[in-house]
C-alpha atoms as a PDB file:
ATOM      1  CA  MET A   1     -41.368 -23.495 -23.155  1.00  0.00           C
ATOM      2  CA  LYS A   2     -41.293 -21.125 -26.112  1.00  0.00           C
ATOM      3  CA  ILE A   3     -38.769 -20.240 -28.819  1.00  0.00           C
ATOM      4  CA  ASN A   4     -37.378 -17.422 -26.628  1.00  0.00           C
ATOM      5  CA  ASP A   5     -36.506 -20.003 -23.951  1.00  0.00           C
ATOM      6  CA  LEU A   6     -34.664 -22.058 -26.584  1.00  0.00           C
ATOM      7  CA  ILE A   7     -32.769 -18.954 -27.705  1.00  0.00           C
ATOM      8  CA  LYS A   8     -31.777 -18.227 -24.091  1.00  0.00           C
ATOM      9  CA  ILE A   9     -30.230 -21.688 -23.778  1.00  0.00           C
ATOM     10  CA  TYR A  10     -28.397 -21.154 -27.092  1.00  0.00           C
ATOM     11  CA  GLU A  11     -27.066 -17.814 -25.822  1.00  0.00           C
ATOM     12  CA  THR A  12     -25.576 -19.535 -22.754  1.00  0.00           C
ATOM     13  CA  LYS A  13     -23.741 -21.894 -25.135  1.00  0.00           C
ATOM     14  CA  LYS A  14     -22.596 -18.887 -27.143  1.00  0.00           C
ATOM     15  CA  GLN A  15     -21.146 -17.256 -24.036  1.00  0.00           C
ATOM     16  CA  LYS A  16     -19.241 -20.446 -23.253  1.00  0.00           C
ATOM     17  CA  HIS A  17     -18.237 -21.600 -26.740  1.00  0.00           C
ATOM     18  CA  GLY A  18     -18.250 -18.375 -28.802  1.00  0.00           C
ATOM     19  CA  LEU A  19     -18.187 -18.968 -32.562  1.00  0.00           C
ATOM     20  CA  GLN A  20     -18.303 -22.739 -31.969  1.00  0.00           C
ATOM     21  CA  ALA A  21     -21.716 -22.515 -30.244  1.00  0.00           C
ATOM     22  CA  TYR A  22     -23.420 -23.906 -33.353  1.00  0.00           C
ATOM     23  CA  ARG A  23     -21.736 -27.260 -32.617  1.00  0.00           C
ATOM     24  CA  HIS A  24     -23.766 -27.606 -29.423  1.00  0.00           C
ATOM     25  CA  ILE A  25     -27.271 -27.446 -30.883  1.00  0.00           C
ATOM     26  CA  SER A  26     -27.994 -31.039 -29.857  1.00  0.00           C
ATOM     27  CA  ASN A  27     -27.104 -30.153 -26.240  1.00  0.00           C
ATOM     28  CA  VAL A  28     -29.319 -27.068 -26.481  1.00  0.00           C
ATOM     29  CA  LEU A  29     -32.184 -29.343 -27.519  1.00  0.00           C
ATOM     30  CA  LYS A  30     -31.445 -31.833 -24.704  1.00  0.00           C
ATOM     31  CA  GLU A  31     -31.567 -29.076 -22.093  1.00  0.00           C
ATOM     32  CA  ALA A  32     -34.690 -27.629 -23.665  1.00  0.00           C
ATOM     33  CA  LYS A  33     -36.346 -31.057 -23.545  1.00  0.00           C
ATOM     34  CA  GLU A  34     -35.854 -31.234 -19.767  1.00  0.00           C
ATOM     35  CA  GLN A  35     -37.471 -27.825 -19.291  1.00  0.00           C
ATOM     36  CA  HIS A  36     -40.234 -28.727 -21.732  1.00  0.00           C
ATOM     37  CA  LYS A  37     -40.959 -31.892 -19.718  1.00  0.00           C
ATOM     38  CA  LYS A  38     -41.239 -29.935 -16.459  1.00  0.00           C
ATOM     39  CA  ASP A  39     -43.832 -27.648 -18.019  1.00  0.00           C
ATOM     40  CA  PHE A  40     -45.761 -30.478 -19.743  1.00  0.00           C
ATOM     41  CA  THR A  41     -49.141 -31.516 -18.307  1.00  0.00           C
ATOM     42  CA  GLY A  42     -50.543 -33.963 -20.947  1.00  0.00           C
ATOM     43  CA  ASP A  43     -50.205 -37.732 -21.477  1.00  0.00           C
ATOM     44  CA  ASP A  44     -47.579 -38.034 -24.217  1.00  0.00           C
ATOM     45  CA  HIS A  45     -44.569 -35.801 -23.625  1.00  0.00           C
ATOM     46  CA  GLU A  46     -42.462 -37.377 -26.396  1.00  0.00           C
ATOM     47  CA  GLN A  47     -45.051 -36.517 -29.031  1.00  0.00           C
ATOM     48  CA  SER A  48     -45.399 -32.969 -27.713  1.00  0.00           C
ATOM     49  CA  TRP A  49     -41.605 -32.556 -27.624  1.00  0.00           C
ATOM     50  CA  ARG A  50     -41.144 -33.830 -31.189  1.00  0.00           C
ATOM     51  CA  ALA A  51     -43.681 -31.281 -32.422  1.00  0.00           C
ATOM     52  CA  PHE A  52     -41.984 -28.473 -30.477  1.00  0.00           C
ATOM     53  CA  LYS A  53     -38.511 -29.487 -31.658  1.00  0.00           C
ATOM     54  CA  GLY A  54     -39.544 -29.763 -35.302  1.00  0.00           C
ATOM     55  CA  LYS A  55     -41.234 -26.376 -35.301  1.00  0.00           C
ATOM     56  CA  ASN A  56     -38.583 -24.482 -33.380  1.00  0.00           C
ATOM     57  CA  LEU A  57     -35.301 -25.798 -34.802  1.00  0.00           C
ATOM     58  CA  GLU A  58     -35.950 -23.752 -37.955  1.00  0.00           C
ATOM     59  CA  LYS A  59     -36.643 -20.669 -35.800  1.00  0.00           C
ATOM     60  CA  LEU A  60     -33.383 -21.193 -33.920  1.00  0.00           C
ATOM     61  CA  VAL A  61     -31.457 -21.503 -37.204  1.00  0.00           C
ATOM     62  CA  GLU A  62     -33.179 -18.320 -38.386  1.00  0.00           C
ATOM     63  CA  TYR A  63     -32.079 -16.567 -35.164  1.00  0.00           C
ATOM     64  CA  ILE A  64     -28.481 -17.773 -35.596  1.00  0.00           C
ATOM     65  CA  ILE A  65     -28.051 -16.639 -39.208  1.00  0.00           C
ATOM     66  CA  THR A  66     -30.214 -13.506 -39.486  1.00  0.00           C
ATOM     67  CA  ASP A  67     -27.716 -10.854 -38.333  1.00  0.00           C
ATOM     68  CA  GLU A  68     -24.928 -12.170 -40.571  1.00  0.00           C
ATOM     69  CA  VAL A  69     -27.247 -12.560 -43.569  1.00  0.00           C
ATOM     70  CA  ARG A  70     -28.406  -8.952 -43.137  1.00  0.00           C
ATOM     71  CA  ALA A  71     -24.780  -7.820 -42.901  1.00  0.00           C
ATOM     72  CA  LEU A  72     -24.403  -9.108 -46.480  1.00  0.00           C
ATOM     73  CA  GLY A  73     -27.276  -6.865 -47.610  1.00  0.00           C
ATOM     74  CA  LEU A  74     -29.723  -9.793 -47.787  1.00  0.00           C
ATOM     75  CA  GLN A  75     -32.907 -10.644 -45.885  1.00  0.00           C
ATOM     76  CA  VAL A  76     -34.403 -13.807 -44.383  1.00  0.00           C
ATOM     77  CA  VAL A  77     -38.092 -14.702 -44.368  1.00  0.00           C
ATOM     78  CA  ASN A  78     -39.833 -17.775 -42.966  1.00  0.00           C
ATOM     79  CA  GLY A  79     -41.022 -19.999 -45.826  1.00  0.00           C
ATOM     80  CA  ASN A  80     -44.058 -21.413 -44.024  1.00  0.00           C
ATOM     81  CA  GLY A  81     -45.260 -17.949 -43.046  1.00  0.00           C
ATOM     82  CA  LEU A  82     -44.813 -16.660 -46.583  1.00  0.00           C
ATOM     83  CA  GLU A  83     -46.763 -19.578 -48.043  1.00  0.00           C
ATOM     84  CA  ARG A  84     -49.680 -19.095 -45.632  1.00  0.00           C
ATOM     85  CA  THR A  85     -49.979 -15.346 -46.227  1.00  0.00           C
ATOM     86  CA  ASN A  86     -52.214 -14.169 -49.038  1.00  0.00           C
ATOM     87  CA  GLY A  87     -50.474 -11.902 -51.555  1.00  0.00           C
ATOM     88  CA  SER A  88     -52.837  -9.026 -50.751  1.00  0.00           C
ATOM     89  CA  ASN A  89     -51.499  -9.040 -47.180  1.00  0.00           C
ATOM     90  CA  LEU A  90     -47.838  -8.995 -48.191  1.00  0.00           C
ATOM     91  CA  SER A  91     -45.573  -6.040 -48.893  1.00  0.00           C
ATOM     92  CA  LYS A  92     -44.582  -5.618 -52.541  1.00  0.00           C
ATOM     93  CA  GLU A  93     -41.106  -6.871 -51.608  1.00  0.00           C
ATOM     94  CA  LEU A  94     -42.370 -10.138 -50.128  1.00  0.00           C
ATOM     95  CA  SER A  95     -45.066 -10.600 -52.749  1.00  0.00           C
ATOM     96  CA  LEU A  96     -42.333 -10.534 -55.406  1.00  0.00           C
ATOM     97  CA  VAL A  97     -40.232 -12.976 -53.368  1.00  0.00           C
ATOM     98  CA  LYS A  98     -43.196 -15.349 -53.364  1.00  0.00           C
ATOM     99  CA  ARG A  99     -43.648 -15.042 -57.117  1.00  0.00           C
ATOM    100  CA  ASN A 100     -39.915 -15.527 -57.712  1.00  0.00           C
ATOM    101  CA  LEU A 101     -39.952 -18.861 -55.872  1.00  0.00           C
ATOM    102  CA  ILE A 102     -43.072 -20.416 -57.342  1.00  0.00           C
ATOM    103  CA  VAL A 103     -42.944 -23.831 -59.033  1.00  0.00           C
ATOM    104  CA  ASP A 104     -45.212 -24.167 -62.068  1.00  0.00           C
ATOM    105  CA  TYR A 105     -47.262 -27.387 -62.275  1.00  0.00           C
ATOM    106  CA  GLY A 106     -49.046 -26.458 -65.484  1.00  0.00           C
ATOM    107  CA  GLU A 107     -52.764 -27.290 -65.347  1.00  0.00           C
ATOM    108  CA  PHE A 108     -52.354 -28.151 -61.636  1.00  0.00           C
ATOM    109  CA  GLY A 109     -51.398 -24.634 -60.698  1.00  0.00           C
ATOM    110  CA  SER A 110     -48.352 -23.040 -59.107  1.00  0.00           C
ATOM    111  CA  HIS A 111     -47.049 -23.856 -55.655  1.00  0.00           C
ATOM    112  CA  LEU A 112     -44.264 -22.779 -53.317  1.00  0.00           C
ATOM    113  CA  PRO A 113     -41.659 -25.401 -52.443  1.00  0.00           C
ATOM    114  CA  ASP A 114     -41.647 -26.639 -48.830  1.00  0.00           C
ATOM    115  CA  VAL A 115     -38.725 -24.731 -47.343  1.00  0.00           C
ATOM    116  CA  ASP A 116     -38.153 -23.300 -43.873  1.00  0.00           C
ATOM    117  CA  LEU A 117     -36.149 -20.172 -44.663  1.00  0.00           C
ATOM    118  CA  ILE A 118     -35.778 -18.022 -47.756  1.00  0.00           C
ATOM    119  CA  ILE A 119     -32.769 -15.733 -48.272  1.00  0.00           C
ATOM    120  CA  TYR A 120     -33.341 -12.962 -50.778  1.00  0.00           C
ATOM    121  CA  ASN A 121     -32.064  -9.604 -52.036  1.00  0.00           C
ATOM    122  CA  PRO A 122     -34.423  -6.910 -50.631  1.00  0.00           C
ATOM    123  CA  LYS A 123     -33.526  -4.506 -53.462  1.00  0.00           C
ATOM    124  CA  THR A 124     -34.723  -6.841 -56.202  1.00  0.00           C
ATOM    125  CA  SER A 125     -36.691  -9.550 -54.305  1.00  0.00           C
ATOM    126  CA  GLU A 126     -34.495 -12.097 -56.097  1.00  0.00           C
ATOM    127  CA  VAL A 127     -34.340 -15.354 -54.152  1.00  0.00           C
ATOM    128  CA  ILE A 128     -30.721 -16.323 -53.474  1.00  0.00           C
ATOM    129  CA  ALA A 129     -31.126 -19.515 -51.456  1.00  0.00           C
ATOM    130  CA  VAL A 130     -33.643 -21.607 -49.525  1.00  0.00           C
ATOM    131  CA  LEU A 131     -32.956 -23.655 -46.406  1.00  0.00           C
ATOM    132  CA  SER A 132     -34.639 -26.619 -44.820  1.00  0.00           C
ATOM    133  CA  SER A 133     -33.713 -27.713 -41.306  1.00  0.00           C
ATOM    134  CA  LYS A 134     -34.421 -30.920 -39.411  1.00  0.00           C
ATOM    135  CA  VAL A 135     -32.760 -32.806 -36.574  1.00  0.00           C
ATOM    136  CA  THR A 136     -31.964 -35.735 -38.882  1.00  0.00           C
ATOM    137  CA  LEU A 137     -31.825 -36.107 -42.657  1.00  0.00           C
ATOM    138  CA  ARG A 138     -34.419 -38.854 -42.931  1.00  0.00           C
ATOM    139  CA  GLU A 139     -37.186 -36.410 -42.028  1.00  0.00           C
ATOM    140  CA  ARG A 140     -36.742 -34.117 -45.036  1.00  0.00           C
ATOM    141  CA  ILE A 141     -33.716 -34.738 -47.255  1.00  0.00           C
ATOM    142  CA  ALA A 142     -35.511 -36.545 -50.114  1.00  0.00           C
ATOM    143  CA  GLN A 143     -38.081 -33.758 -50.208  1.00  0.00           C
ATOM    144  CA  THR A 144     -35.276 -31.167 -50.280  1.00  0.00           C
ATOM    145  CA  GLY A 145     -33.677 -32.974 -53.233  1.00  0.00           C
ATOM    146  CA  TYR A 146     -37.021 -32.995 -55.020  1.00  0.00           C
ATOM    147  CA  TRP A 147     -37.428 -29.218 -54.666  1.00  0.00           C
ATOM    148  CA  LYS A 148     -33.902 -28.641 -55.960  1.00  0.00           C
ATOM    149  CA  ILE A 149     -34.724 -30.646 -59.079  1.00  0.00           C
ATOM    150  CA  LYS A 150     -37.987 -28.724 -59.596  1.00  0.00           C
ATOM    151  CA  LEU A 151     -36.367 -25.292 -59.119  1.00  0.00           C
ATOM    152  CA  ALA A 152     -33.473 -26.245 -61.409  1.00  0.00           C
ATOM    153  CA  SER A 153     -35.893 -27.271 -64.174  1.00  0.00           C
ATOM    154  CA  ASP A 154     -37.166 -23.709 -64.686  1.00  0.00           C
ATOM    155  CA  GLU A 155     -35.045 -20.899 -66.150  1.00  0.00           C
ATOM    156  CA  ALA A 156     -36.607 -18.448 -63.684  1.00  0.00           C
ATOM    157  CA  THR A 157     -35.612 -20.410 -60.567  1.00  0.00           C
ATOM    158  CA  LYS A 158     -32.624 -22.532 -61.585  1.00  0.00           C
ATOM    159  CA  HIS A 159     -30.157 -20.118 -59.908  1.00  0.00           C
ATOM    160  CA  ILE A 160     -31.711 -20.656 -56.442  1.00  0.00           C
ATOM    161  CA  LYS A 161     -29.476 -22.638 -54.117  1.00  0.00           C
ATOM    162  CA  VAL A 162     -31.155 -25.319 -52.006  1.00  0.00           C
ATOM    163  CA  TYR A 163     -29.477 -26.138 -48.697  1.00  0.00           C
ATOM    164  CA  PHE A 164     -30.176 -28.401 -45.731  1.00  0.00           C
ATOM    165  CA  VAL A 165     -29.133 -27.460 -42.167  1.00  0.00           C
ATOM    166  CA  THR A 166     -29.034 -30.174 -39.505  1.00  0.00           C
ATOM    167  CA  PRO A 167     -27.471 -31.329 -36.226  1.00  0.00           C
ATOM    168  CA  ASP A 168     -27.336 -34.733 -38.013  1.00  0.00           C
ATOM    169  CA  GLU A 169     -28.120 -36.577 -34.790  1.00  0.00           C
ATOM    170  CA  ASP A 170     -28.051 -40.016 -36.459  1.00  0.00           C
ATOM    171  CA  GLY A 171     -24.643 -39.451 -38.090  1.00  0.00           C
ATOM    172  CA  THR A 172     -25.783 -39.794 -41.713  1.00  0.00           C
ATOM    173  CA  LEU A 173     -23.248 -37.197 -42.865  1.00  0.00           C
ATOM    174  CA  THR A 174     -20.280 -38.178 -40.673  1.00  0.00           C
ATOM    175  CA  VAL A 175     -18.291 -40.090 -43.306  1.00  0.00           C
ATOM    176  CA  LYS A 176     -18.198 -39.809 -47.069  1.00  0.00           C
ATOM    177  CA  LYS A 177     -17.764 -43.558 -47.722  1.00  0.00           C
ATOM    178  CA  PRO A 178     -19.438 -45.941 -47.245  1.00  0.00           C
ATOM    179  CA  THR A 179     -22.082 -43.406 -48.231  1.00  0.00           C
ATOM    180  CA  LYS A 180     -25.424 -43.471 -46.471  1.00  0.00           C
ATOM    181  CA  LYS A 181     -28.512 -42.774 -48.576  1.00  0.00           C
ATOM    182  CA  GLY A 182     -29.133 -39.351 -47.044  1.00  0.00           C
ATOM    183  CA  ARG A 183     -25.594 -38.186 -47.785  1.00  0.00           C
ATOM    184  CA  ALA A 184     -25.865 -39.473 -51.357  1.00  0.00           C
ATOM    185  CA  ILE A 185     -28.971 -37.316 -51.867  1.00  0.00           C
ATOM    186  CA  VAL A 186     -27.173 -34.284 -50.415  1.00  0.00           C
ATOM    187  CA  GLU A 187     -24.125 -34.823 -52.644  1.00  0.00           C
ATOM    188  CA  VAL A 188     -26.111 -35.371 -55.871  1.00  0.00           C
ATOM    189  CA  ASP A 189     -29.497 -33.672 -55.584  1.00  0.00           C
ATOM    190  CA  THR A 190     -28.986 -30.567 -53.392  1.00  0.00           C
ATOM    191  CA  ASP A 191     -26.581 -27.644 -53.296  1.00  0.00           C
ATOM    192  CA  GLY A 192     -25.270 -28.793 -49.936  1.00  0.00           C
ATOM    193  CA  SER A 193     -25.770 -29.431 -46.249  1.00  0.00           C
ATOM    194  CA  TYR A 194     -24.333 -27.582 -43.249  1.00  0.00           C
ATOM    195  CA  VAL A 195     -23.904 -29.519 -40.016  1.00  0.00           C
ATOM    196  CA  LEU A 196     -24.525 -28.213 -36.473  1.00  0.00           C
ATOM    197  CA  SER A 197     -22.697 -30.915 -34.523  1.00  0.00           C
ATOM    198  CA  GLU A 198     -19.935 -31.568 -31.999  1.00  0.00           C
ATOM    199  CA  THR A 199     -18.860 -34.512 -34.158  1.00  0.00           C
ATOM    200  CA  ASN A 200     -16.272 -33.739 -36.807  1.00  0.00           C
ATOM    201  CA  ILE A 201     -17.583 -34.783 -40.198  1.00  0.00           C
ATOM    202  CA  GLU A 202     -15.725 -35.774 -43.352  1.00  0.00           C
ATOM    203  CA  GLU A 203     -16.345 -32.640 -45.374  1.00  0.00           C
ATOM    204  CA  SER A 204     -16.751 -32.364 -49.131  1.00  0.00           C
ATOM    205  CA  LYS A 205     -17.693 -29.562 -51.519  1.00  0.00           C
ATOM    206  CA  LYS A 206     -21.323 -30.055 -50.501  1.00  0.00           C
ATOM    207  CA  VAL A 207     -21.177 -31.314 -46.920  1.00  0.00           C
ATOM    208  CA  LYS A 208     -19.582 -28.872 -44.496  1.00  0.00           C
ATOM    209  CA  MET A 209     -19.643 -27.742 -40.890  1.00  0.00           C
ATOM    210  CA  PHE A 210     -22.056 -24.884 -40.285  1.00  0.00           C
ATOM    211  CA  ASP A 211     -19.329 -22.250 -39.786  1.00  0.00           C
ATOM    212  CA  LYS A 212     -18.734 -22.382 -43.573  1.00  0.00           C
ATOM    213  CA  PHE A 213     -22.298 -21.318 -44.376  1.00  0.00           C
ATOM    214  CA  ILE A 214     -21.913 -17.541 -44.198  1.00  0.00           C
ATOM    215  CA  GLU A 215     -18.586 -17.683 -46.041  1.00  0.00           C
ATOM    216  CA  ASP A 216     -20.202 -19.682 -48.865  1.00  0.00           C
ATOM    217  CA  LEU A 217     -23.080 -17.195 -48.943  1.00  0.00           C
ATOM    218  CA  LYS A 218     -20.563 -14.347 -49.293  1.00  0.00           C
ATOM    219  CA  VAL A 219     -18.985 -16.111 -52.294  1.00  0.00           C
ATOM    220  CA  LEU A 220     -22.442 -16.564 -53.825  1.00  0.00           C
ATOM    221  CA  VAL A 221     -23.275 -12.868 -53.408  1.00  0.00           C
ATOM    222  CA  ASN A 222     -19.892 -11.753 -54.761  1.00  0.00           C
ATOM    223  CA  ASP A 223     -20.250 -14.005 -57.825  1.00  0.00           C
ATOM    224  CA  LYS A 224     -23.603 -12.367 -58.582  1.00  0.00           C
ATOM    225  CA  THR A 225     -22.172  -8.840 -58.434  1.00  0.00           C
ATOM    226  CA  ARG A 226     -19.267  -9.522 -60.811  1.00  0.00           C
END
């Protein structure tokens, strides 16, 4: 199984559920797991599946948002790919994106934050927002909060929004109170989380269903052009 197979399963959900297809990401992953198991020939399928799921959820999110992000005049680039690519092998546009996202550690050098997707303005290479995506919050949310704090501590990067996108399969974001640790980190130390789930969540200014993501991005872009 490859990312294109995962996208095909998502497209079948899209045909059935239309704009609500994002709520069925967990079912997409369940179906993909069955196909992945049929193709698997090693000893530990669970380990192989976890690696596949972790790597490809971010690619699926990228596939889902790219057209609408581009319609706003913005671009999306994969954060891991950008970090691995030497500046001499990047276009001027992407080289500037990389520089505009760097965190300065003084005598210990400069490093890119660990993010899955970067949304930027292709005319200026200004970074608008970064996204991390995992199946549950416990895998990455504290790290996401850390990068928000680091980016906010520098005048050059403090405007960058830091978001987390997740199917929230363990229900960390379902209710506001009693607040689970992961939701507390989202509410206090990030710019927000968008949820790809069939379960209705108790929304707040920072925790929302995924269908609000593009609308919030539009508001962000409009605020910058005023």
